[in-house]
Amino acid sequence: MSKIRIDISKALPFVDQTSFQSITEEVIRQYQTLLSGTGKGNDHLGWLHLPTLATPGFVNRINGDSEKIRSGSGIFVVIGIGGSYLGSRAVIEALSDPFSAVHPRHEGIRIVYAGENLSEDYHNSLLKLLDNVDYSVAVISKSGTTTEPAVAFRIIKSHLEKKYGQEKAAGRIFAITDAAKGALKKMAEIEKYTTYVIPDDIGGRYSVLTPVGLLPVAVAGFDIGKLLEGARMMEELLFSTSDPTVNSSVVYASIRNALYRNGKIIETMVNYEPRLFFFGEWWKQLFGESEGKENKGIFPAGVSFTTDLHSMGQYIQEGLRNLFETVISIEHSNSSLQVPADDENLDGLNYLAGKNISEINHMAELGTMLAHVDGGVPNIRISIPSINEETIGQLIYFFEFSCALSGYTLGVNPFDQPGVEAYKKNMFALLGKPGFEQKGIELRKRLF
């Protein structure tokens, strides 16, 4: 049974009801296209049944390797970019104590990330950290030649080999890559790294429920079996019917496309729980890379409330009326903390004495929703009972399925990313990569 509930009552007044019904019927047709595998990008639908295809043996292998990593390392470096790291980071940050890394009695392993940027200072600081601790590495890339993670891996591999020697270093490297081809696959075979496969029919932004996401999540100490079980429950529900009274993905894809056609071209993902910040970053990549093509698409943004109510809140309340909000609402906190009474009451907060912080946060959420709706901002509310492995698994699959439906409704291929190659070609040319010499000359003329 799904633990996700969707409420679009504060978005429906912003769309014509006849138009919304027509778009819903269109989404239902695209639902059939997705399930039949006849749409654009149908060679990248392997993610659809990942939850139900995950065998106990598969889960046990990942858990076994994660225990091996945890027993011999204080740090686990995840090297990847885009979907190769955002999914695992979203899950790990959502489930983690936000202060565990700086707790004076911290026990266990810390997860850090590399290859998602090209900052020299960042990677230098990382190497200084790795000088003083035992560590292992996951390098995640289908090709092994994507610039950012490939550069980071070359640097960290050299550091690892100097620290442990080549043979022992190889035992600390876990390559998650293509089954049969690519530079990383070849290197893994030569060096005898432990390997996991990224299936050919799954793109990076849909890969969180493969070893790409599951190995780092398991190393961080979380239950990947429950994560997959939550996703499996959502898979079964969404496959059971396209009826919008049951299928929340049909509802979400319908309302966001209806708002888009009514001039609401920016969707802002809102969280009221800081641990969900990177979930929003994963969501931004999922929808941005899936829908932003052919001069179409809803622009995905993210804010953290109540923090950003004191910055972006002004724009959302009174800026251009071309945006809508999707709020992830958490019904129950995982802990309890009440506001104490104060005899002096100089701050005037005794009216809150005895109330849980979660209640205050919830009232801030509801009050903000009403203020923004009154200010002309439609609001979609997606509720989960609490943050845990099962509910995060459900959210992951819900958004993946919704994104595919929404992309098809928009008329694009939600599984490719042709625009990502443009910056790479320019970068290669400017750096003097063989084969790009002429383009490099042309670009330098434009720049200099």
Protein backbone atom coordinates (compact mmCIF):
# COMPACT_ATOMS: atom_id res chain seq x y z
CA MET A 1 0.00 0.00 0.00
CA SER A 2 1.30 3.47 -0.92
CA LYS A 3 2.26 5.78 1.90
CA ILE A 4 2.38 8.75 -0.47
CA ARG A 5 -0.61 11.05 -0.72
CA ILE A 6 -0.98 13.84 -3.28
CA ASP A 7 -3.18 16.91 -2.83
CA ILE A 8 -3.74 19.18 -5.84
CA SER A 9 -6.71 21.10 -4.42
CA LYS A 10 -4.58 24.27 -4.15
CA ALA A 11 -3.47 23.97 -7.79
CA LEU A 12 -6.73 23.11 -9.54
CA PRO A 13 -8.18 26.67 -9.32
CA PHE A 14 -5.30 27.83 -11.54
CA VAL A 15 -6.29 25.62 -14.51
CA ASP A 16 -9.35 25.28 -16.66
CA GLN A 17 -11.18 22.12 -15.59
CA THR A 18 -12.06 21.05 -19.13
CA SER A 19 -8.44 21.47 -20.16
CA PHE A 20 -7.24 19.58 -17.08
CA GLN A 21 -9.54 16.66 -17.89
CA SER A 22 -8.24 16.61 -21.46
CA ILE A 23 -4.62 16.60 -20.27
CA THR A 24 -5.39 13.81 -17.79
CA GLU A 25 -6.77 11.72 -20.64
CA GLU A 26 -3.57 12.47 -22.58
CA VAL A 27 -1.44 11.36 -19.62
CA ILE A 28 -3.42 8.12 -19.39
CA ARG A 29 -2.67 7.47 -23.07
CA GLN A 30 1.02 8.07 -22.36
CA TYR A 31 0.73 5.70 -19.40
CA GLN A 32 -0.17 2.96 -21.88
CA THR A 33 2.74 4.03 -24.09
CA LEU A 34 5.14 3.72 -21.16
CA LEU A 35 3.88 0.32 -20.04
CA SER A 36 3.83 -1.08 -23.57
CA GLY A 37 7.37 0.14 -24.24
CA THR A 38 6.44 1.83 -27.52
CA GLY A 39 7.49 5.41 -26.75
CA LYS A 40 10.63 7.41 -27.33
CA GLY A 41 13.68 6.06 -25.56
CA ASN A 42 12.09 2.66 -25.02
CA ASP A 43 15.55 1.09 -24.93
CA HIS A 44 16.05 2.78 -21.53
CA LEU A 45 13.12 1.36 -19.56
CA GLY A 46 15.12 -1.06 -17.41
CA TRP A 47 14.37 1.02 -14.29
CA LEU A 48 10.65 0.20 -14.52
CA HIS A 49 10.96 -3.22 -12.86
CA LEU A 50 14.16 -2.78 -10.83
CA PRO A 51 12.38 -3.10 -7.46
CA THR A 52 10.67 -6.41 -8.26
CA LEU A 53 13.72 -7.85 -10.04
CA ALA A 54 16.06 -7.25 -7.10
CA THR A 55 16.78 -10.73 -5.74
CA PRO A 56 17.85 -11.58 -2.18
CA GLY A 57 21.18 -12.71 -3.61
CA PHE A 58 21.72 -9.33 -5.24
CA VAL A 59 20.92 -7.48 -2.01
CA ASN A 60 23.10 -9.85 0.03
CA ARG A 61 26.07 -9.31 -2.26
CA ILE A 62 25.86 -5.55 -1.86
CA ASN A 63 25.41 -5.86 1.89
CA GLY A 64 28.40 -8.20 2.08
CA ASP A 65 30.66 -5.80 0.20
CA SER A 66 29.38 -2.90 2.28
CA GLU A 67 30.36 -4.72 5.47
CA LYS A 68 33.82 -5.37 4.03
CA ILE A 69 34.20 -1.66 3.24
CA ARG A 70 32.92 -0.54 6.62
CA SER A 71 35.21 -2.88 8.53
CA GLY A 72 38.37 -1.57 6.88
CA SER A 73 37.64 2.09 6.15
CA GLY A 74 36.75 5.27 7.97
CA ILE A 75 35.78 7.03 4.75
CA PHE A 76 34.09 5.83 1.56
CA VAL A 77 34.69 8.06 -1.46
CA VAL A 78 31.91 8.02 -4.07
CA ILE A 79 33.27 9.23 -7.41
CA GLY A 80 30.63 10.18 -9.95
CA ILE A 81 28.63 13.03 -11.43
CA GLY A 82 24.93 13.61 -12.11
CA GLY A 83 22.90 10.49 -11.47
CA SER A 84 26.05 8.62 -10.57
CA TYR A 85 26.13 10.33 -7.21
CA LEU A 86 22.98 12.44 -6.70
CA GLY A 87 20.68 9.48 -6.05
CA SER A 88 22.82 7.90 -3.36
CA ARG A 89 23.55 11.27 -1.76
CA ALA A 90 19.84 12.12 -1.71
CA VAL A 91 19.03 8.90 0.14
CA ILE A 92 22.00 9.03 2.51
CA GLU A 93 21.42 12.67 3.48
CA ALA A 94 17.69 12.06 3.98
CA LEU A 95 18.28 9.16 6.35
CA SER A 96 21.33 10.50 8.21
CA ASP A 97 21.68 12.42 11.44
CA PRO A 98 22.74 15.84 10.09
CA PHE A 99 25.43 16.17 12.78
CA SER A 100 26.78 12.63 12.80
CA ALA A 101 29.99 13.57 10.98
CA VAL A 102 31.00 16.11 13.62
CA HIS A 103 29.78 14.23 16.67
CA PRO A 104 32.70 13.77 19.09
CA ARG A 105 31.71 10.13 19.62
CA HIS A 106 31.08 9.41 15.96
CA GLU A 107 31.50 5.77 15.07
CA GLY A 108 31.21 4.21 11.67
CA ILE A 109 32.05 5.34 8.19
CA ARG A 110 31.69 8.75 6.57
CA ILE A 111 30.62 9.09 2.93
CA VAL A 112 32.32 11.81 0.88
CA TYR A 113 32.03 12.68 -2.80
CA ALA A 114 34.43 13.45 -5.63
CA GLY A 115 34.25 13.89 -9.40
CA GLU A 116 31.08 15.97 -9.32
CA ASN A 117 33.08 19.17 -9.82
CA LEU A 118 36.44 20.36 -11.19
CA SER A 119 37.53 22.44 -8.22
CA GLU A 120 41.24 22.13 -7.54
CA ASP A 121 40.82 23.34 -3.96
CA TYR A 122 38.04 20.82 -3.28
CA HIS A 123 40.09 17.85 -4.44
CA ASN A 124 43.23 19.06 -2.69
CA SER A 125 41.31 19.29 0.56
CA LEU A 126 39.95 15.80 -0.01
CA LEU A 127 43.43 14.36 -0.50
CA LYS A 128 44.59 15.97 2.75
CA LEU A 129 41.68 14.29 4.52
CA LEU A 130 42.49 10.92 2.94
CA ASP A 131 46.12 11.17 4.04
CA ASN A 132 45.06 10.50 7.62
CA VAL A 133 42.39 7.82 7.38
CA ASP A 134 41.81 4.38 5.87
CA TYR A 135 39.44 4.65 2.95
CA SER A 136 37.84 2.82 0.04
CA VAL A 137 36.44 4.10 -3.25
CA ALA A 138 33.46 3.54 -5.53
CA VAL A 139 34.06 4.86 -9.03
CA ILE A 140 30.82 5.12 -11.01
CA SER A 141 30.80 5.63 -14.77
CA LYS A 142 29.50 3.65 -17.73
CA SER A 143 32.30 4.83 -19.98
CA GLY A 144 35.06 5.69 -17.56
CA THR A 145 35.92 8.72 -19.68
CA THR A 146 33.49 11.37 -18.40
CA THR A 147 35.89 14.18 -17.58
CA GLU A 148 34.97 15.13 -14.02
CA PRO A 149 34.86 11.63 -12.45
CA ALA A 150 37.71 10.35 -14.64
CA VAL A 151 40.02 13.15 -13.47
CA ALA A 152 39.03 12.60 -9.84
CA PHE A 153 39.55 8.85 -10.09
CA ARG A 154 42.97 9.23 -11.67
CA ILE A 155 44.02 11.52 -8.79
CA ILE A 156 42.51 9.38 -6.03
CA LYS A 157 43.74 6.11 -7.56
CA SER A 158 47.29 7.49 -7.54
CA HIS A 159 46.89 8.55 -3.91
CA LEU A 160 45.44 5.17 -2.95
CA GLU A 161 48.25 3.24 -4.62
CA LYS A 162 50.93 5.38 -2.97
CA LYS A 163 49.28 4.82 0.38
CA TYR A 164 48.62 1.06 0.20
CA GLY A 165 50.55 -0.25 -2.79
CA GLN A 166 48.95 -1.24 -6.07
CA GLU A 167 47.62 -4.67 -5.07
CA LYS A 168 46.05 -3.60 -1.76
CA ALA A 169 44.71 -0.44 -3.35
CA ALA A 170 42.90 -2.53 -5.95
CA GLY A 171 41.07 -4.33 -3.15
CA ARG A 172 39.71 -1.00 -1.96
CA ILE A 173 38.30 0.06 -5.34
CA PHE A 174 34.76 -0.83 -6.42
CA ALA A 175 33.95 -0.07 -10.05
CA ILE A 176 30.31 0.37 -11.03
CA THR A 177 30.32 0.45 -14.81
CA ASP A 178 29.26 -1.12 -18.10
CA ALA A 179 28.95 -4.90 -18.32
CA ALA A 180 31.24 -5.33 -21.30
CA LYS A 181 32.80 -2.15 -22.67
CA GLY A 182 34.42 1.14 -21.77
CA ALA A 183 37.66 2.37 -20.27
CA LEU A 184 36.62 1.74 -16.66
CA LYS A 185 35.48 -1.80 -17.43
CA LYS A 186 38.82 -2.55 -19.10
CA MET A 187 40.77 -1.02 -16.21
CA ALA A 188 38.72 -3.02 -13.68
CA GLU A 189 39.53 -6.26 -15.49
CA ILE A 190 43.25 -5.47 -15.64
CA GLU A 191 43.49 -4.27 -12.02
CA LYS A 192 41.01 -6.87 -10.68
CA TYR A 193 38.65 -4.42 -9.01
CA THR A 194 35.36 -5.64 -7.56
CA THR A 195 32.76 -4.66 -10.14
CA TYR A 196 29.05 -4.02 -10.36
CA VAL A 197 27.08 -3.49 -13.57
CA ILE A 198 25.09 -0.47 -14.68
CA PRO A 199 22.55 -2.06 -17.04
CA ASP A 200 22.59 -0.75 -20.62
CA ASP A 201 18.87 0.01 -20.47
CA ILE A 202 19.08 2.35 -17.46
CA GLY A 203 20.27 5.95 -17.68
CA GLY A 204 22.17 7.66 -14.88
CA ARG A 205 19.29 9.69 -13.45
CA TYR A 206 17.14 6.55 -13.14
CA SER A 207 19.93 4.46 -11.59
CA VAL A 208 19.55 5.06 -7.85
CA LEU A 209 17.99 1.60 -7.33
CA THR A 210 20.92 -0.11 -9.08
CA PRO A 211 24.34 -0.63 -7.43
CA VAL A 212 25.05 3.00 -8.40
CA GLY A 213 22.91 4.10 -5.48
CA LEU A 214 22.51 0.94 -3.43
CA LEU A 215 26.19 0.28 -2.65
CA PRO A 216 26.89 3.74 -1.15
CA VAL A 217 23.56 3.65 0.74
CA ALA A 218 24.42 0.23 2.19
CA VAL A 219 27.93 1.36 3.12
CA ALA A 220 26.36 4.32 4.95
CA GLY A 221 24.54 1.78 7.10
CA PHE A 222 21.00 1.94 5.77
CA ASP A 223 18.63 -0.90 4.88
CA ILE A 224 18.58 -1.22 1.10
CA GLY A 225 16.10 -4.08 1.40
CA LYS A 226 13.53 -1.70 2.91
CA LEU A 227 14.41 0.97 0.32
CA LEU A 228 13.71 -1.53 -2.48
CA GLU A 229 10.58 -2.77 -0.73
CA GLY A 230 9.17 0.76 -0.64
CA ALA A 231 9.93 1.17 -4.35
CA ARG A 232 8.39 -2.23 -5.08
CA MET A 233 5.16 -1.26 -3.34
CA MET A 234 4.99 1.89 -5.46
CA GLU A 235 5.82 -0.06 -8.63
CA GLU A 236 2.96 -2.50 -8.00
CA LEU A 237 0.51 0.31 -7.29
CA LEU A 238 1.41 2.40 -10.33
CA PHE A 239 1.29 -0.63 -12.63
CA SER A 240 -2.08 -1.75 -11.29
CA THR A 241 -4.16 1.04 -12.83
CA SER A 242 -4.07 4.38 -14.61
CA ASP A 243 -7.15 5.53 -12.68
CA PRO A 244 -6.21 8.97 -11.28
CA THR A 245 -8.19 8.27 -8.11
CA VAL A 246 -5.56 5.61 -7.35
CA ASN A 247 -2.50 6.43 -9.46
CA SER A 248 -0.77 9.44 -7.91
CA SER A 249 1.76 9.65 -10.76
CA VAL A 250 -1.01 10.21 -13.28
CA VAL A 251 -2.35 13.02 -11.08
CA TYR A 252 1.06 14.66 -10.66
CA ALA A 253 1.98 14.45 -14.35
CA SER A 254 -1.44 15.82 -15.29
CA ILE A 255 -1.50 18.83 -12.99
CA ARG A 256 2.08 19.91 -13.69
CA ASN A 257 1.49 19.75 -17.47
CA ALA A 258 -1.81 21.62 -17.09
CA LEU A 259 -0.04 24.35 -15.11
CA TYR A 260 2.77 24.46 -17.68
CA ARG A 261 0.32 25.02 -20.51
CA ASN A 262 -1.22 27.80 -18.46
CA GLY A 263 2.08 29.70 -18.27
CA LYS A 264 3.50 28.21 -15.07
CA ILE A 265 6.89 27.30 -16.48
CA ILE A 266 8.90 26.98 -13.24
CA GLU A 267 8.32 24.26 -10.65
CA THR A 268 9.86 24.81 -7.23
CA MET A 269 10.45 21.73 -5.10
CA VAL A 270 9.94 22.73 -1.45
CA ASN A 271 11.16 20.92 1.63
CA TYR A 272 10.60 21.80 5.27
CA GLU A 273 13.17 19.27 6.44
CA PRO A 274 16.88 20.08 5.84
CA ARG A 275 17.68 16.40 5.33
CA LEU A 276 15.71 16.52 2.08
CA PHE A 277 17.90 19.18 0.45
CA PHE A 278 19.77 16.67 -1.71
CA PHE A 279 16.56 14.85 -2.52
CA GLY A 280 15.55 18.11 -4.17
CA GLU A 281 18.87 18.18 -6.02
CA TRP A 282 18.25 14.66 -7.32
CA TRP A 283 14.69 15.64 -8.34
CA LYS A 284 16.04 18.69 -10.20
CA GLN A 285 18.37 16.53 -12.27
CA LEU A 286 15.69 13.91 -12.92
CA PHE A 287 13.18 16.38 -14.32
CA GLY A 288 15.58 18.95 -15.77
CA GLU A 289 17.58 16.46 -17.81
CA SER A 290 14.48 14.50 -18.80
CA GLU A 291 12.22 17.34 -19.94
CA GLY A 292 14.46 20.25 -20.84
CA LYS A 293 14.89 19.76 -24.59
CA GLU A 294 13.46 20.87 -27.93
CA ASN A 295 12.93 24.33 -26.37
CA LYS A 296 10.35 22.82 -24.02
CA GLY A 297 10.09 21.89 -20.40
CA ILE A 298 9.26 23.05 -16.88
CA PHE A 299 12.31 24.56 -15.21
CA PRO A 300 12.95 22.69 -11.92
CA ALA A 301 14.11 24.76 -8.96
CA GLY A 302 14.41 24.03 -5.25
CA VAL A 303 14.02 25.87 -1.96
CA SER A 304 14.39 24.88 1.69
CA PHE A 305 11.75 26.35 3.97
CA THR A 306 11.50 27.98 6.37
CA THR A 307 15.12 29.07 5.71
CA ASP A 308 14.47 30.38 2.19
CA LEU A 309 11.28 32.16 3.22
CA HIS A 310 13.67 34.85 4.42
CA SER A 311 15.28 35.13 0.98
CA MET A 312 13.47 33.52 -1.97
CA GLY A 313 10.15 33.82 -0.15
CA GLN A 314 9.78 37.42 -1.25
CA TYR A 315 10.10 36.51 -4.93
CA ILE A 316 7.78 33.52 -4.64
CA GLN A 317 5.15 35.68 -2.92
CA GLU A 318 5.27 38.71 -5.21
CA GLY A 319 7.52 38.09 -8.20
CA LEU A 320 6.58 36.98 -11.72
CA ARG A 321 3.54 34.70 -11.64
CA ASN A 322 5.12 32.01 -13.81
CA LEU A 323 5.83 29.41 -11.12
CA PHE A 324 4.20 26.76 -8.97
CA GLU A 325 5.30 24.81 -5.90
CA THR A 326 5.50 21.11 -5.13
CA VAL A 327 5.88 20.56 -1.39
CA ILE A 328 7.15 17.36 0.20
CA SER A 329 5.23 17.31 3.46
CA ILE A 330 6.37 15.13 6.37
CA GLU A 331 3.48 14.20 8.64
CA HIS A 332 5.47 12.94 11.64
CA SER A 333 8.93 13.76 12.94
CA ASN A 334 11.26 10.92 13.95
CA SER A 335 11.97 12.62 17.29
CA SER A 336 10.33 14.89 19.84
CA LEU A 337 11.43 18.34 21.04
CA GLN A 338 9.19 20.90 22.75
CA VAL A 339 9.56 24.64 23.29
CA PRO A 340 10.23 25.31 26.99
CA ALA A 341 8.38 27.94 29.03
CA ASP A 342 10.29 30.99 30.23
CA ASP A 343 9.27 33.01 33.29
CA GLU A 344 10.41 36.32 31.82
CA ASN A 345 8.91 35.69 28.36
CA LEU A 346 10.92 38.58 26.92
CA ASP A 347 10.74 37.08 23.45
CA GLY A 348 6.96 36.68 23.70
CA LEU A 349 7.10 32.98 22.81
CA ASN A 350 5.33 31.49 25.80
CA TYR A 351 2.30 30.97 23.59
CA LEU A 352 4.42 28.25 21.96
CA ALA A 353 5.53 26.66 25.24
CA GLY A 354 4.84 22.94 25.29
CA LYS A 355 4.41 22.71 21.52
CA ASN A 356 6.61 20.39 19.50
CA ILE A 357 8.94 22.00 16.96
CA SER A 358 7.34 19.76 14.32
CA GLU A 359 3.92 21.32 15.02
CA ILE A 360 5.36 24.82 14.62
CA ASN A 361 7.06 23.75 11.38
CA HIS A 362 3.80 22.22 10.14
CA MET A 363 1.84 25.41 10.84
CA ALA A 364 4.55 27.39 9.03
CA GLU A 365 4.06 25.05 6.07
CA LEU A 366 0.29 25.46 6.02
CA GLY A 367 0.46 29.21 6.53
CA THR A 368 3.01 29.58 3.73
CA MET A 369 0.92 27.47 1.39
CA LEU A 370 -2.13 29.70 1.90
CA ALA A 371 -0.07 32.90 1.55
CA HIS A 372 1.53 31.72 -1.69
CA VAL A 373 -1.76 30.49 -3.14
CA ASP A 374 -3.31 33.87 -2.29
CA GLY A 375 -0.31 35.44 -4.06
CA GLY A 376 -1.02 33.49 -7.25
CA VAL A 377 1.28 30.48 -6.78
CA PRO A 378 -0.37 27.06 -7.29
CA ASN A 379 0.57 24.46 -4.68
CA ILE A 380 0.92 20.68 -5.05
CA ARG A 381 1.38 18.79 -1.79
CA ILE A 382 3.00 15.35 -1.64
CA SER A 383 2.77 13.85 1.85
CA ILE A 384 4.63 10.97 3.45
CA PRO A 385 4.11 9.80 7.05
CA SER A 386 7.80 10.05 8.03
CA ILE A 387 11.30 9.83 6.59
CA ASN A 388 12.64 6.28 6.46
CA GLU A 389 14.00 3.81 3.91
CA GLU A 390 10.57 2.62 2.84
CA THR A 391 9.02 6.03 2.24
CA ILE A 392 12.13 7.32 0.46
CA GLY A 393 12.00 4.25 -1.80
CA GLN A 394 8.39 5.05 -2.62
CA LEU A 395 9.21 8.69 -3.38
CA ILE A 396 12.07 7.69 -5.69
CA TYR A 397 9.93 5.38 -7.78
CA PHE A 398 6.97 7.79 -7.73
CA PHE A 399 9.04 10.62 -9.17
CA GLU A 400 10.80 8.40 -11.74
CA PHE A 401 7.49 7.08 -13.04
CA SER A 402 5.91 10.55 -12.97
CA CYS A 403 8.84 12.02 -14.86
CA ALA A 404 8.53 9.46 -17.64
CA LEU A 405 4.78 10.13 -17.95
CA SER A 406 5.27 13.88 -17.88
CA GLY A 407 8.04 13.80 -20.48
CA TYR A 408 5.94 11.74 -22.87
CA THR A 409 3.01 14.11 -22.34
CA LEU A 410 5.33 17.01 -23.15
CA GLY A 411 6.29 15.23 -26.38
CA VAL A 412 9.99 14.67 -25.66
CA ASN A 413 12.20 11.66 -25.04
CA PRO A 414 12.57 11.62 -21.25
CA PHE A 415 15.53 9.25 -21.36
CA ASP A 416 18.17 11.04 -23.43
CA GLN A 417 20.24 14.16 -22.79
CA PRO A 418 21.67 15.41 -26.10
CA GLY A 419 22.25 18.92 -24.76
CA VAL A 420 24.75 17.70 -22.18
CA GLU A 421 27.27 17.02 -24.95
CA ALA A 422 27.56 20.66 -26.09
CA TYR A 423 29.67 21.90 -23.18
CA LYS A 424 31.82 18.76 -23.27
CA LYS A 425 32.83 19.30 -26.90
CA ASN A 426 33.77 22.92 -26.21
CA MET A 427 35.74 21.93 -23.11
CA PHE A 428 37.60 19.19 -25.01
CA ALA A 429 38.48 21.67 -27.77
CA LEU A 430 39.73 24.32 -25.36
CA LEU A 431 41.82 21.77 -23.46
CA GLY A 432 43.44 20.47 -26.66
CA LYS A 433 41.95 16.98 -26.77
CA PRO A 434 43.12 15.11 -29.91
CA GLY A 435 40.54 15.35 -32.67
CA PHE A 436 39.21 18.71 -31.52
CA GLU A 437 42.05 20.92 -32.79
CA GLN A 438 40.08 22.85 -35.41
CA LYS A 439 37.17 23.47 -33.08
CA GLY A 440 39.68 24.73 -30.51
CA ILE A 441 41.01 27.32 -32.97
CA GLU A 442 37.47 28.49 -33.74
CA LEU A 443 36.50 28.77 -30.08
CA ARG A 444 39.65 30.70 -29.14
CA LYS A 445 38.90 33.24 -31.87
CA ARG A 446 35.48 33.77 -30.35
CA LEU A 447 36.84 34.04 -26.81
CA PHE A 448 40.08 35.93 -27.24
